Amino acid sequence: MAYLMANYPDMDMGTSMVLSTVSAGITTSILLETTLLHLGKDRLPWGAAAKTAMGMSLVSMIAMEFTENLVTLGLSDSTTTITSPNFWAITGLSMAAGFVAPLPYNYIRLKLWGKSCH
């Protein structure tokens, strides 16, 4: 979203949010998780690794990205630039909100499957 805001300031905010969420957040996460499940200790085949990655975190990633975008949208305006200290404060707040948003879902999923976080 920062790239789109800096390089395409006239882009509609809704379009910017959708593009940044899908391209940077969800797609990157699924690709990374798929790769780790395939190359890591699980050694899943590519298809199974992709299916597992999508099942593991798709809802969590959507919640995180949606929350981050809402915070950024709510706190920034057309004068907020990437060089502004406000931009970096807003970015930090949006990342913190994005971290907290999926925690209840993740906790419930871990409890459901009898897994422990520690």
PDB file of N, CA and C in Angstrom:
ATOM      1  N   MET A   1       0.819  -1.176   0.000  1.00  0.00           N
ATOM      2  CA  MET A   1       0.000   0.000   0.000  1.00  0.00           C
ATOM      3  C   MET A   1       0.870   1.249   0.000  1.00  0.00           C
ATOM      4  N   ALA A   2       1.993   1.212   0.711  1.00  0.00           N
ATOM      5  CA  ALA A   2       2.888   2.367   0.745  1.00  0.00           C
ATOM      6  C   ALA A   2       3.398   2.691  -0.653  1.00  0.00           C
ATOM      7  N   TYR A   3       3.750   1.663  -1.407  1.00  0.00           N
ATOM      8  CA  TYR A   3       4.226   1.864  -2.777  1.00  0.00           C
ATOM      9  C   TYR A   3       3.139   2.509  -3.630  1.00  0.00           C
ATOM     10  N   LEU A   4       1.936   1.996  -3.544  1.00  0.00           N
ATOM     11  CA  LEU A   4       0.842   2.542  -4.343  1.00  0.00           C
ATOM     12  C   LEU A   4       0.509   3.969  -3.933  1.00  0.00           C
ATOM     13  N   MET A   5       0.520   4.235  -2.628  1.00  0.00           N
ATOM     14  CA  MET A   5       0.242   5.597  -2.155  1.00  0.00           C
ATOM     15  C   MET A   5       1.308   6.580  -2.629  1.00  0.00           C
ATOM     16  N   ALA A   6       2.566   6.138  -2.628  1.00  0.00           N
ATOM     17  CA  ALA A   6       3.664   7.027  -3.019  1.00  0.00           C
ATOM     18  C   ALA A   6       3.735   7.233  -4.526  1.00  0.00           C
ATOM     19  N   ASN A   7       3.486   6.178  -5.303  1.00  0.00           N
ATOM     20  CA  ASN A   7       3.672   6.265  -6.750  1.00  0.00           C
ATOM     21  C   ASN A   7       2.400   6.486  -7.554  1.00  0.00           C
ATOM     22  N   TYR A   8       1.249   6.210  -6.948  1.00  0.00           N
ATOM     23  CA  TYR A   8      -0.037   6.397  -7.626  1.00  0.00           C
ATOM     24  C   TYR A   8      -1.009   7.109  -6.684  1.00  0.00           C
ATOM     25  N   PRO A   9      -0.695   8.364  -6.320  1.00  0.00           N
ATOM     26  CA  PRO A   9      -1.517   9.061  -5.327  1.00  0.00           C
ATOM     27  C   PRO A   9      -2.959   9.301  -5.772  1.00  0.00           C
ATOM     28  N   ASP A  10      -3.225   9.270  -7.063  1.00  0.00           N
ATOM     29  CA  ASP A  10      -4.583   9.507  -7.549  1.00  0.00           C
ATOM     30  C   ASP A  10      -5.418   8.235  -7.608  1.00  0.00           C
ATOM     31  N   MET A  11      -4.820   7.090  -7.295  1.00  0.00           N
ATOM     32  CA  MET A  11      -5.555   5.826  -7.338  1.00  0.00           C
ATOM     33  C   MET A  11      -6.620   5.814  -6.241  1.00  0.00           C
ATOM     34  N   ASP A  12      -7.777   5.299  -6.583  1.00  0.00           N
ATOM     35  CA  ASP A  12      -8.869   5.144  -5.633  1.00  0.00           C
ATOM     36  C   ASP A  12      -8.391   4.287  -4.454  1.00  0.00           C
ATOM     37  N   MET A  13      -8.737   4.704  -3.234  1.00  0.00           N
ATOM     38  CA  MET A  13      -8.258   4.011  -2.045  1.00  0.00           C
ATOM     39  C   MET A  13      -8.757   2.561  -1.987  1.00  0.00           C
ATOM     40  N   GLY A  14      -9.984   2.315  -2.420  1.00  0.00           N
ATOM     41  CA  GLY A  14     -10.503   0.948  -2.425  1.00  0.00           C
ATOM     42  C   GLY A  14      -9.691   0.036  -3.322  1.00  0.00           C
ATOM     43  N   THR A  15      -9.352   0.539  -4.518  1.00  0.00           N
ATOM     44  CA  THR A  15      -8.523  -0.227  -5.455  1.00  0.00           C
ATOM     45  C   THR A  15      -7.148  -0.481  -4.861  1.00  0.00           C
ATOM     46  N   SER A  16      -6.583   0.541  -4.244  1.00  0.00           N
ATOM     47  CA  SER A  16      -5.269   0.416  -3.617  1.00  0.00           C
ATOM     48  C   SER A  16      -5.289  -0.634  -2.510  1.00  0.00           C
ATOM     49  N   MET A  17      -6.340  -0.628  -1.709  1.00  0.00           N
ATOM     50  CA  MET A  17      -6.443  -1.601  -0.615  1.00  0.00           C
ATOM     51  C   MET A  17      -6.548  -3.025  -1.137  1.00  0.00           C
ATOM     52  N   VAL A  18      -7.372  -3.233  -2.149  1.00  0.00           N
ATOM     53  CA  VAL A  18      -7.537  -4.578  -2.700  1.00  0.00           C
ATOM     54  C   VAL A  18      -6.234  -5.070  -3.327  1.00  0.00           C
ATOM     55  N   LEU A  19      -5.595  -4.224  -4.137  1.00  0.00           N
ATOM     56  CA  LEU A  19      -4.349  -4.621  -4.789  1.00  0.00           C
ATOM     57  C   LEU A  19      -3.255  -4.947  -3.777  1.00  0.00           C
ATOM     58  N   SER A  20      -3.108  -4.089  -2.776  1.00  0.00           N
ATOM     59  CA  SER A  20      -2.043  -4.322  -1.800  1.00  0.00           C
ATOM     60  C   SER A  20      -2.335  -5.551  -0.940  1.00  0.00           C
ATOM     61  N   THR A  21      -3.596  -5.759  -0.610  1.00  0.00           N
ATOM     62  CA  THR A  21      -3.955  -6.920   0.203  1.00  0.00           C
ATOM     63  C   THR A  21      -3.694  -8.219  -0.529  1.00  0.00           C
ATOM     64  N   VAL A  22      -4.141  -8.295  -1.762  1.00  0.00           N
ATOM     65  CA  VAL A  22      -4.002  -9.533  -2.519  1.00  0.00           C
ATOM     66  C   VAL A  22      -2.554  -9.771  -2.927  1.00  0.00           C
ATOM     67  N   SER A  23      -1.905  -8.750  -3.476  1.00  0.00           N
ATOM     68  CA  SER A  23      -0.553  -8.960  -4.010  1.00  0.00           C
ATOM     69  C   SER A  23       0.494  -9.098  -2.920  1.00  0.00           C
ATOM     70  N   ALA A  24       0.522  -8.177  -2.013  1.00  0.00           N
ATOM     71  CA  ALA A  24       1.600  -8.182  -1.029  1.00  0.00           C
ATOM     72  C   ALA A  24       1.315  -9.076   0.165  1.00  0.00           C
ATOM     73  N   GLY A  25       0.120  -9.070   0.636  1.00  0.00           N
ATOM     74  CA  GLY A  25      -0.164  -9.800   1.858  1.00  0.00           C
ATOM     75  C   GLY A  25      -0.464 -11.260   1.667  1.00  0.00           C
ATOM     76  N   ILE A  26      -1.576 -11.535   1.080  1.00  0.00           N
ATOM     77  CA  ILE A  26      -2.058 -12.913   1.012  1.00  0.00           C
ATOM     78  C   ILE A  26      -1.211 -13.775   0.086  1.00  0.00           C
ATOM     79  N   THR A  27      -0.929 -13.279  -1.107  1.00  0.00           N
ATOM     80  CA  THR A  27      -0.156 -14.072  -2.069  1.00  0.00           C
ATOM     81  C   THR A  27       1.242 -14.376  -1.547  1.00  0.00           C
ATOM     82  N   THR A  28       1.905 -13.372  -1.002  1.00  0.00           N
ATOM     83  CA  THR A  28       3.248 -13.574  -0.475  1.00  0.00           C
ATOM     84  C   THR A  28       3.244 -14.580   0.666  1.00  0.00           C
ATOM     85  N   SER A  29       2.273 -14.467   1.550  1.00  0.00           N
ATOM     86  CA  SER A  29       2.190 -15.386   2.680  1.00  0.00           C
ATOM     87  C   SER A  29       1.979 -16.824   2.217  1.00  0.00           C
ATOM     88  N   ILE A  30       1.045 -17.010   1.307  1.00  0.00           N
ATOM     89  CA  ILE A  30       0.765 -18.374   0.833  1.00  0.00           C
ATOM     90  C   ILE A  30       1.975 -18.954   0.103  1.00  0.00           C
ATOM     91  N   LEU A  31       2.648 -18.148  -0.709  1.00  0.00           N
ATOM     92  CA  LEU A  31       3.845 -18.631  -1.407  1.00  0.00           C
ATOM     93  C   LEU A  31       4.947 -19.011  -0.424  1.00  0.00           C
ATOM     94  N   LEU A  32       5.161 -18.179   0.583  1.00  0.00           N
ATOM     95  CA  LEU A  32       6.200 -18.477   1.573  1.00  0.00           C
ATOM     96  C   LEU A  32       5.849 -19.733   2.366  1.00  0.00           C
ATOM     97  N   GLU A  33       4.623 -19.824   2.838  1.00  0.00           N
ATOM     98  CA  GLU A  33       4.226 -21.006   3.604  1.00  0.00           C
ATOM     99  C   GLU A  33       4.281 -22.282   2.762  1.00  0.00           C
ATOM    100  N   THR A  34       3.853 -22.182   1.513  1.00  0.00           N
ATOM    101  CA  THR A  34       3.916 -23.343   0.621  1.00  0.00           C
ATOM    102  C   THR A  34       5.355 -23.815   0.466  1.00  0.00           C
ATOM    103  N   THR A  35       6.253 -22.882   0.236  1.00  0.00           N
ATOM    104  CA  THR A  35       7.667 -23.216   0.075  1.00  0.00           C
ATOM    105  C   THR A  35       8.237 -23.852   1.344  1.00  0.00           C
ATOM    106  N   LEU A  36       7.899 -23.284   2.494  1.00  0.00           N
ATOM    107  CA  LEU A  36       8.410 -23.832   3.749  1.00  0.00           C
ATOM    108  C   LEU A  36       7.855 -25.231   4.030  1.00  0.00           C
ATOM    109  N   LEU A  37       6.584 -25.435   3.709  1.00  0.00           N
ATOM    110  CA  LEU A  37       5.997 -26.764   3.913  1.00  0.00           C
ATOM    111  C   LEU A  37       6.589 -27.794   2.954  1.00  0.00           C
ATOM    112  N   HIS A  38       6.978 -27.353   1.769  1.00  0.00           N
ATOM    113  CA  HIS A  38       7.576 -28.273   0.793  1.00  0.00           C
ATOM    114  C   HIS A  38       9.047 -28.558   1.110  1.00  0.00           C
ATOM    115  N   LEU A  39       9.794 -27.517   1.453  1.00  0.00           N
ATOM    116  CA  LEU A  39      11.231 -27.674   1.657  1.00  0.00           C
ATOM    117  C   LEU A  39      11.621 -27.944   3.107  1.00  0.00           C
ATOM    118  N   GLY A  40      10.718 -27.673   4.045  1.00  0.00           N
ATOM    119  CA  GLY A  40      11.010 -27.837   5.466  1.00  0.00           C
ATOM    120  C   GLY A  40      10.912 -29.275   5.921  1.00  0.00           C
ATOM    121  N   LYS A  41      10.767 -29.461   7.225  1.00  0.00           N
ATOM    122  CA  LYS A  41      10.758 -30.817   7.782  1.00  0.00           C
ATOM    123  C   LYS A  41       9.552 -31.634   7.336  1.00  0.00           C
ATOM    124  N   ASP A  42       8.456 -30.967   6.939  1.00  0.00           N
ATOM    125  CA  ASP A  42       7.251 -31.698   6.512  1.00  0.00           C
ATOM    126  C   ASP A  42       7.415 -32.356   5.153  1.00  0.00           C
ATOM    127  N   ARG A  43       8.194 -31.738   4.264  1.00  0.00           N
ATOM    128  CA  ARG A  43       8.465 -32.281   2.919  1.00  0.00           C
ATOM    129  C   ARG A  43       7.187 -32.666   2.163  1.00  0.00           C
ATOM    130  N   LEU A  44       6.163 -31.807   2.249  1.00  0.00           N
ATOM    131  CA  LEU A  44       4.915 -32.075   1.534  1.00  0.00           C
ATOM    132  C   LEU A  44       5.107 -31.865   0.038  1.00  0.00           C
ATOM    133  N   PRO A  45       4.402 -32.608  -0.795  1.00  0.00           N
ATOM    134  CA  PRO A  45       4.419 -32.317  -2.234  1.00  0.00           C
ATOM    135  C   PRO A  45       3.851 -30.903  -2.461  1.00  0.00           C
ATOM    136  N   TRP A  46       4.218 -30.278  -3.582  1.00  0.00           N
ATOM    137  CA  TRP A  46       3.818 -28.891  -3.846  1.00  0.00           C
ATOM    138  C   TRP A  46       2.308 -28.685  -3.713  1.00  0.00           C
ATOM    139  N   GLY A  47       1.509 -29.571  -4.279  1.00  0.00           N
ATOM    140  CA  GLY A  47       0.053 -29.424  -4.222  1.00  0.00           C
ATOM    141  C   GLY A  47      -0.480 -29.486  -2.797  1.00  0.00           C
ATOM    142  N   ALA A  48      -0.012 -30.461  -2.043  1.00  0.00           N
ATOM    143  CA  ALA A  48      -0.438 -30.597  -0.648  1.00  0.00           C
ATOM    144  C   ALA A  48       0.062 -29.426   0.196  1.00  0.00           C
ATOM    145  N   ALA A  49       1.267 -28.961  -0.106  1.00  0.00           N
ATOM    146  CA  ALA A  49       1.820 -27.819   0.629  1.00  0.00           C
ATOM    147  C   ALA A  49       0.986 -26.561   0.377  1.00  0.00           C
ATOM    148  N   ALA A  50       0.582 -26.336  -0.875  1.00  0.00           N
ATOM    149  CA  ALA A  50      -0.242 -25.158  -1.208  1.00  0.00           C
ATOM    150  C   ALA A  50      -1.608 -25.255  -0.538  1.00  0.00           C
ATOM    151  N   LYS A  51      -2.217 -26.432  -0.578  1.00  0.00           N
ATOM    152  CA  LYS A  51      -3.533 -26.619   0.042  1.00  0.00           C
ATOM    153  C   LYS A  51      -3.448 -26.403   1.552  1.00  0.00           C
ATOM    154  N   THR A  52      -2.412 -26.922   2.170  1.00  0.00           N
ATOM    155  CA  THR A  52      -2.216 -26.750   3.605  1.00  0.00           C
ATOM    156  C   THR A  52      -1.975 -25.290   3.948  1.00  0.00           C
ATOM    157  N   ALA A  53      -1.152 -24.606   3.168  1.00  0.00           N
ATOM    158  CA  ALA A  53      -0.867 -23.191   3.427  1.00  0.00           C
ATOM    159  C   ALA A  53      -2.132 -22.348   3.328  1.00  0.00           C
ATOM    160  N   MET A  54      -2.955 -22.630   2.332  1.00  0.00           N
ATOM    161  CA  MET A  54      -4.195 -21.864   2.189  1.00  0.00           C
ATOM    162  C   MET A  54      -5.153 -22.165   3.339  1.00  0.00           C
ATOM    163  N   GLY A  55      -5.212 -23.401   3.765  1.00  0.00           N
ATOM    164  CA  GLY A  55      -6.084 -23.760   4.873  1.00  0.00           C
ATOM    165  C   GLY A  55      -5.602 -23.238   6.209  1.00  0.00           C
ATOM    166  N   MET A  56      -4.280 -23.130   6.352  1.00  0.00           N
ATOM    167  CA  MET A  56      -3.705 -22.699   7.613  1.00  0.00           C
ATOM    168  C   MET A  56      -3.941 -21.221   7.894  1.00  0.00           C
ATOM    169  N   SER A  57      -3.793 -20.403   6.891  1.00  0.00           N
ATOM    170  CA  SER A  57      -3.725 -18.984   7.241  1.00  0.00           C
ATOM    171  C   SER A  57      -4.545 -18.041   6.377  1.00  0.00           C
ATOM    172  N   LEU A  58      -5.354 -18.532   5.491  1.00  0.00           N
ATOM    173  CA  LEU A  58      -6.081 -17.616   4.615  1.00  0.00           C
ATOM    174  C   LEU A  58      -6.993 -16.687   5.411  1.00  0.00           C
ATOM    175  N   VAL A  59      -7.784 -17.220   6.316  1.00  0.00           N
ATOM    176  CA  VAL A  59      -8.668 -16.377   7.118  1.00  0.00           C
ATOM    177  C   VAL A  59      -7.850 -15.426   7.993  1.00  0.00           C
ATOM    178  N   SER A  60      -6.801 -15.947   8.588  1.00  0.00           N
ATOM    179  CA  SER A  60      -5.933 -15.139   9.434  1.00  0.00           C
ATOM    180  C   SER A  60      -5.297 -13.990   8.643  1.00  0.00           C
ATOM    181  N   MET A  61      -4.812 -14.289   7.456  1.00  0.00           N
ATOM    182  CA  MET A  61      -4.177 -13.259   6.626  1.00  0.00           C
ATOM    183  C   MET A  61      -5.185 -12.212   6.158  1.00  0.00           C
ATOM    184  N   ILE A  62      -6.380 -12.637   5.794  1.00  0.00           N
ATOM    185  CA  ILE A  62      -7.403 -11.671   5.373  1.00  0.00           C
ATOM    186  C   ILE A  62      -7.735 -10.734   6.534  1.00  0.00           C
ATOM    187  N   ALA A  63      -7.897 -11.278   7.737  1.00  0.00           N
ATOM    188  CA  ALA A  63      -8.185 -10.443   8.904  1.00  0.00           C
ATOM    189  C   ALA A  63      -7.052  -9.455   9.164  1.00  0.00           C
ATOM    190  N   MET A  64      -5.821  -9.936   9.082  1.00  0.00           N
ATOM    191  CA  MET A  64      -4.673  -9.070   9.319  1.00  0.00           C
ATOM    192  C   MET A  64      -4.598  -7.955   8.282  1.00  0.00           C
ATOM    193  N   GLU A  65      -4.672  -8.302   7.013  1.00  0.00           N
ATOM    194  CA  GLU A  65      -4.555  -7.317   5.946  1.00  0.00           C
ATOM    195  C   GLU A  65      -5.703  -6.306   5.989  1.00  0.00           C
ATOM    196  N   PHE A  66      -6.919  -6.802   6.211  1.00  0.00           N
ATOM    197  CA  PHE A  66      -8.079  -5.923   6.275  1.00  0.00           C
ATOM    198  C   PHE A  66      -7.922  -4.912   7.412  1.00  0.00           C
ATOM    199  N   THR A  67      -7.483  -5.384   8.574  1.00  0.00           N
ATOM    200  CA  THR A  67      -7.291  -4.503   9.728  1.00  0.00           C
ATOM    201  C   THR A  67      -6.191  -3.479   9.464  1.00  0.00           C
ATOM    202  N   GLU A  68      -5.073  -3.922   8.914  1.00  0.00           N
ATOM    203  CA  GLU A  68      -3.990  -2.989   8.605  1.00  0.00           C
ATOM    204  C   GLU A  68      -4.450  -1.911   7.630  1.00  0.00           C
ATOM    205  N   ASN A  69      -5.182  -2.316   6.611  1.00  0.00           N
ATOM    206  CA  ASN A  69      -5.656  -1.344   5.634  1.00  0.00           C
ATOM    207  C   ASN A  69      -6.664  -0.377   6.237  1.00  0.00           C
ATOM    208  N   LEU A  70      -7.553  -0.866   7.098  1.00  0.00           N
ATOM    209  CA  LEU A  70      -8.522   0.025   7.741  1.00  0.00           C
ATOM    210  C   LEU A  70      -7.831   1.059   8.626  1.00  0.00           C
ATOM    211  N   VAL A  71      -6.837   0.632   9.382  1.00  0.00           N
ATOM    212  CA  VAL A  71      -6.104   1.569  10.234  1.00  0.00           C
ATOM    213  C   VAL A  71      -5.379   2.597   9.378  1.00  0.00           C
ATOM    214  N   THR A  72      -4.704   2.142   8.337  1.00  0.00           N
ATOM    215  CA  THR A  72      -3.997   3.067   7.449  1.00  0.00           C
ATOM    216  C   THR A  72      -4.971   4.050   6.799  1.00  0.00           C
ATOM    217  N   LEU A  73      -6.071   3.546   6.315  1.00  0.00           N
ATOM    218  CA  LEU A  73      -7.076   4.390   5.677  1.00  0.00           C
ATOM    219  C   LEU A  73      -7.673   5.385   6.665  1.00  0.00           C
ATOM    220  N   GLY A  74      -7.940   4.939   7.866  1.00  0.00           N
ATOM    221  CA  GLY A  74      -8.550   5.808   8.861  1.00  0.00           C
ATOM    222  C   GLY A  74      -7.631   6.889   9.391  1.00  0.00           C
ATOM    223  N   LEU A  75      -6.335   6.623   9.432  1.00  0.00           N
ATOM    224  CA  LEU A  75      -5.409   7.581  10.029  1.00  0.00           C
ATOM    225  C   LEU A  75      -4.646   8.443   9.031  1.00  0.00           C
ATOM    226  N   SER A  76      -4.589   8.033   7.780  1.00  0.00           N
ATOM    227  CA  SER A  76      -3.825   8.823   6.805  1.00  0.00           C
ATOM    228  C   SER A  76      -4.767   9.661   5.951  1.00  0.00           C
ATOM    229  N   ASP A  77      -4.178  10.638   5.293  1.00  0.00           N
ATOM    230  CA  ASP A  77      -4.935  11.456   4.345  1.00  0.00           C
ATOM    231  C   ASP A  77      -4.066  11.712   3.129  1.00  0.00           C
ATOM    232  N   SER A  78      -4.540  12.544   2.245  1.00  0.00           N
ATOM    233  CA  SER A  78      -3.823  12.767   0.984  1.00  0.00           C
ATOM    234  C   SER A  78      -2.489  13.485   1.180  1.00  0.00           C
ATOM    235  N   THR A  79      -2.269  14.080   2.351  1.00  0.00           N
ATOM    236  CA  THR A  79      -1.008  14.778   2.585  1.00  0.00           C
ATOM    237  C   THR A  79       0.041  13.895   3.245  1.00  0.00           C
ATOM    238  N   THR A  80      -0.331  12.684   3.623  1.00  0.00           N
ATOM    239  CA  THR A  80       0.605  11.763   4.265  1.00  0.00           C
ATOM    240  C   THR A  80       1.509  11.141   3.201  1.00  0.00           C
ATOM    241  N   THR A  81       2.788  11.443   3.296  1.00  0.00           N
ATOM    242  CA  THR A  81       3.750  10.902   2.334  1.00  0.00           C
ATOM    243  C   THR A  81       4.680   9.917   3.033  1.00  0.00           C
ATOM    244  N   ILE A  82       5.375   9.149   2.239  1.00  0.00           N
ATOM    245  CA  ILE A  82       6.263   8.114   2.779  1.00  0.00           C
ATOM    246  C   ILE A  82       7.434   8.714   3.567  1.00  0.00           C
ATOM    247  N   THR A  83       7.762   9.968   3.339  1.00  0.00           N
ATOM    248  CA  THR A  83       8.854  10.618   4.068  1.00  0.00           C
ATOM    249  C   THR A  83       8.379  11.279   5.358  1.00  0.00           C
ATOM    250  N   SER A  84       7.103  11.290   5.591  1.00  0.00           N
ATOM    251  CA  SER A  84       6.531  11.924   6.776  1.00  0.00           C
ATOM    252  C   SER A  84       6.661  11.031   8.000  1.00  0.00           C
ATOM    253  N   PRO A  85       7.011  11.605   9.155  1.00  0.00           N
ATOM    254  CA  PRO A  85       7.022  10.808  10.383  1.00  0.00           C
ATOM    255  C   PRO A  85       5.639  10.225  10.693  1.00  0.00           C
ATOM    256  N   ASN A  86       4.586  10.946  10.321  1.00  0.00           N
ATOM    257  CA  ASN A  86       3.234  10.425  10.527  1.00  0.00           C
ATOM    258  C   ASN A  86       3.012   9.132   9.756  1.00  0.00           C
ATOM    259  N   PHE A  87       3.554   9.049   8.552  1.00  0.00           N
ATOM    260  CA  PHE A  87       3.410   7.829   7.749  1.00  0.00           C
ATOM    261  C   PHE A  87       3.967   6.634   8.509  1.00  0.00           C
ATOM    262  N   TRP A  88       5.143   6.801   9.090  1.00  0.00           N
ATOM    263  CA  TRP A  88       5.791   5.696   9.786  1.00  0.00           C
ATOM    264  C   TRP A  88       5.083   5.365  11.092  1.00  0.00           C
ATOM    265  N   ALA A  89       4.528   6.359  11.768  1.00  0.00           N
ATOM    266  CA  ALA A  89       3.735   6.101  12.974  1.00  0.00           C
ATOM    267  C   ALA A  89       2.469   5.328  12.615  1.00  0.00           C
ATOM    268  N   ILE A  90       1.802   5.753  11.550  1.00  0.00           N
ATOM    269  CA  ILE A  90       0.599   5.063  11.081  1.00  0.00           C
ATOM    270  C   ILE A  90       0.931   3.634  10.660  1.00  0.00           C
ATOM    271  N   THR A  91       2.046   3.466   9.981  1.00  0.00           N
ATOM    272  CA  THR A  91       2.465   2.129   9.550  1.00  0.00           C
ATOM    273  C   THR A  91       2.705   1.222  10.755  1.00  0.00           C
ATOM    274  N   GLY A  92       3.370   1.737  11.775  1.00  0.00           N
ATOM    275  CA  GLY A  92       3.600   0.959  12.993  1.00  0.00           C
ATOM    276  C   GLY A  92       2.302   0.571  13.686  1.00  0.00           C
ATOM    277  N   LEU A  93       1.383   1.529  13.786  1.00  0.00           N
ATOM    278  CA  LEU A  93       0.088   1.241  14.404  1.00  0.00           C
ATOM    279  C   LEU A  93      -0.705   0.216  13.591  1.00  0.00           C
ATOM    280  N   SER A  94      -0.661   0.344  12.277  1.00  0.00           N
ATOM    281  CA  SER A  94      -1.415  -0.601  11.451  1.00  0.00           C
ATOM    282  C   SER A  94      -0.818  -2.004  11.550  1.00  0.00           C
ATOM    283  N   MET A  95       0.497  -2.101  11.648  1.00  0.00           N
ATOM    284  CA  MET A  95       1.127  -3.410  11.802  1.00  0.00           C
ATOM    285  C   MET A  95       0.773  -4.033  13.153  1.00  0.00           C
ATOM    286  N   ALA A  96       0.742  -3.218  14.197  1.00  0.00           N
ATOM    287  CA  ALA A  96       0.363  -3.732  15.522  1.00  0.00           C
ATOM    288  C   ALA A  96      -1.087  -4.209  15.510  1.00  0.00           C
ATOM    289  N   ALA A  97      -1.968  -3.433  14.906  1.00  0.00           N
ATOM    290  CA  ALA A  97      -3.380  -3.831  14.809  1.00  0.00           C
ATOM    291  C   ALA A  97      -3.520  -5.098  13.978  1.00  0.00           C
ATOM    292  N   GLY A  98      -2.754  -5.195  12.903  1.00  0.00           N
ATOM    293  CA  GLY A  98      -2.787  -6.390  12.059  1.00  0.00           C
ATOM    294  C   GLY A  98      -2.288  -7.628  12.779  1.00  0.00           C
ATOM    295  N   PHE A  99      -1.348  -7.447  13.690  1.00  0.00           N
ATOM    296  CA  PHE A  99      -0.845  -8.576  14.479  1.00  0.00           C
ATOM    297  C   PHE A  99      -1.913  -9.064  15.453  1.00  0.00           C
ATOM    298  N   VAL A 100      -2.619  -8.150  16.087  1.00  0.00           N
ATOM    299  CA  VAL A 100      -3.598  -8.491  17.116  1.00  0.00           C
ATOM    300  C   VAL A 100      -4.887  -9.063  16.522  1.00  0.00           C
ATOM    301  N   ALA A 101      -5.303  -8.571  15.360  1.00  0.00           N
ATOM    302  CA  ALA A 101      -6.611  -8.940  14.787  1.00  0.00           C
ATOM    303  C   ALA A 101      -6.847 -10.446  14.631  1.00  0.00           C
ATOM    304  N   PRO A 102      -5.903 -11.228  14.095  1.00  0.00           N
ATOM    305  CA  PRO A 102      -6.199 -12.654  13.900  1.00  0.00           C
ATOM    306  C   PRO A 102      -5.929 -13.544  15.121  1.00  0.00           C
ATOM    307  N   LEU A 103      -5.462 -12.980  16.217  1.00  0.00           N
ATOM    308  CA  LEU A 103      -5.110 -13.808  17.376  1.00  0.00           C
ATOM    309  C   LEU A 103      -6.276 -14.648  17.900  1.00  0.00           C
ATOM    310  N   PRO A 104      -7.486 -14.091  18.038  1.00  0.00           N
ATOM    311  CA  PRO A 104      -8.585 -14.950  18.522  1.00  0.00           C
ATOM    312  C   PRO A 104      -8.861 -16.130  17.586  1.00  0.00           C
ATOM    313  N   TYR A 105      -8.860 -15.876  16.296  1.00  0.00           N
ATOM    314  CA  TYR A 105      -9.090 -16.955  15.331  1.00  0.00           C
ATOM    315  C   TYR A 105      -7.996 -18.020  15.446  1.00  0.00           C
ATOM    316  N   ASN A 106      -6.754 -17.577  15.499  1.00  0.00           N
ATOM    317  CA  ASN A 106      -5.638 -18.531  15.597  1.00  0.00           C
ATOM    318  C   ASN A 106      -5.699 -19.330  16.887  1.00  0.00           C
ATOM    319  N   TYR A 107      -6.058 -18.672  17.979  1.00  0.00           N
ATOM    320  CA  TYR A 107      -6.167 -19.362  19.266  1.00  0.00           C
ATOM    321  C   TYR A 107      -7.243 -20.448  19.205  1.00  0.00           C
ATOM    322  N   ILE A 108      -8.394 -20.098  18.643  1.00  0.00           N
ATOM    323  CA  ILE A 108      -9.486 -21.066  18.524  1.00  0.00           C
ATOM    324  C   ILE A 108      -9.074 -22.244  17.650  1.00  0.00           C
ATOM    325  N   ARG A 109      -8.400 -21.974  16.543  1.00  0.00           N
ATOM    326  CA  ARG A 109      -7.953 -23.052  15.651  1.00  0.00           C
ATOM    327  C   ARG A 109      -6.958 -23.972  16.360  1.00  0.00           C
ATOM    328  N   LEU A 110      -6.025 -23.398  17.100  1.00  0.00           N
ATOM    329  CA  LEU A 110      -5.046 -24.212  17.815  1.00  0.00           C
ATOM    330  C   LEU A 110      -5.723 -25.062  18.887  1.00  0.00           C
ATOM    331  N   LYS A 111      -6.683 -24.497  19.592  1.00  0.00           N
ATOM    332  CA  LYS A 111      -7.418 -25.254  20.608  1.00  0.00           C
ATOM    333  C   LYS A 111      -8.232 -26.376  19.965  1.00  0.00           C
ATOM    334  N   LEU A 112      -8.854 -26.083  18.827  1.00  0.00           N
ATOM    335  CA  LEU A 112      -9.664 -27.066  18.127  1.00  0.00           C
ATOM    336  C   LEU A 112      -8.853 -28.298  17.747  1.00  0.00           C
ATOM    337  N   TRP A 113      -7.621 -28.074  17.301  1.00  0.00           N
ATOM    338  CA  TRP A 113      -6.775 -29.182  16.847  1.00  0.00           C
ATOM    339  C   TRP A 113      -5.848 -29.689  17.929  1.00  0.00           C
ATOM    340  N   GLY A 114      -5.982 -29.163  19.150  1.00  0.00           N
ATOM    341  CA  GLY A 114      -5.193 -29.659  20.278  1.00  0.00           C
ATOM    342  C   GLY A 114      -3.720 -29.314  20.175  1.00  0.00           C
ATOM    343  N   LYS A 115      -3.402 -28.216  19.550  1.00  0.00           N
ATOM    344  CA  LYS A 115      -2.012 -27.800  19.399  1.00  0.00           C
ATOM    345  C   LYS A 115      -1.684 -26.760  20.461  1.00  0.00           C
ATOM    346  N   SER A 116      -0.415 -26.648  20.794  1.00  0.00           N
ATOM    347  CA  SER A 116       0.022 -25.671  21.772  1.00  0.00           C
ATOM    348  C   SER A 116       0.938 -24.645  21.109  1.00  0.00           C
ATOM    349  N   CYS A 117       0.851 -23.419  21.568  1.00  0.00           N
ATOM    350  CA  CYS A 117       1.707 -22.355  21.029  1.00  0.00           C
ATOM    351  C   CYS A 117       3.043 -22.293  21.772  1.00  0.00           C
ATOM    352  N   HIS A 118       3.184 -23.012  22.868  1.00  0.00           N
ATOM    353  CA  HIS A 118       4.390 -22.927  23.674  1.00  0.00           C
ATOM    354  C   HIS A 118       4.840 -24.281  24.156  1.00  0.00           C
TER     355      HIS A 118
END
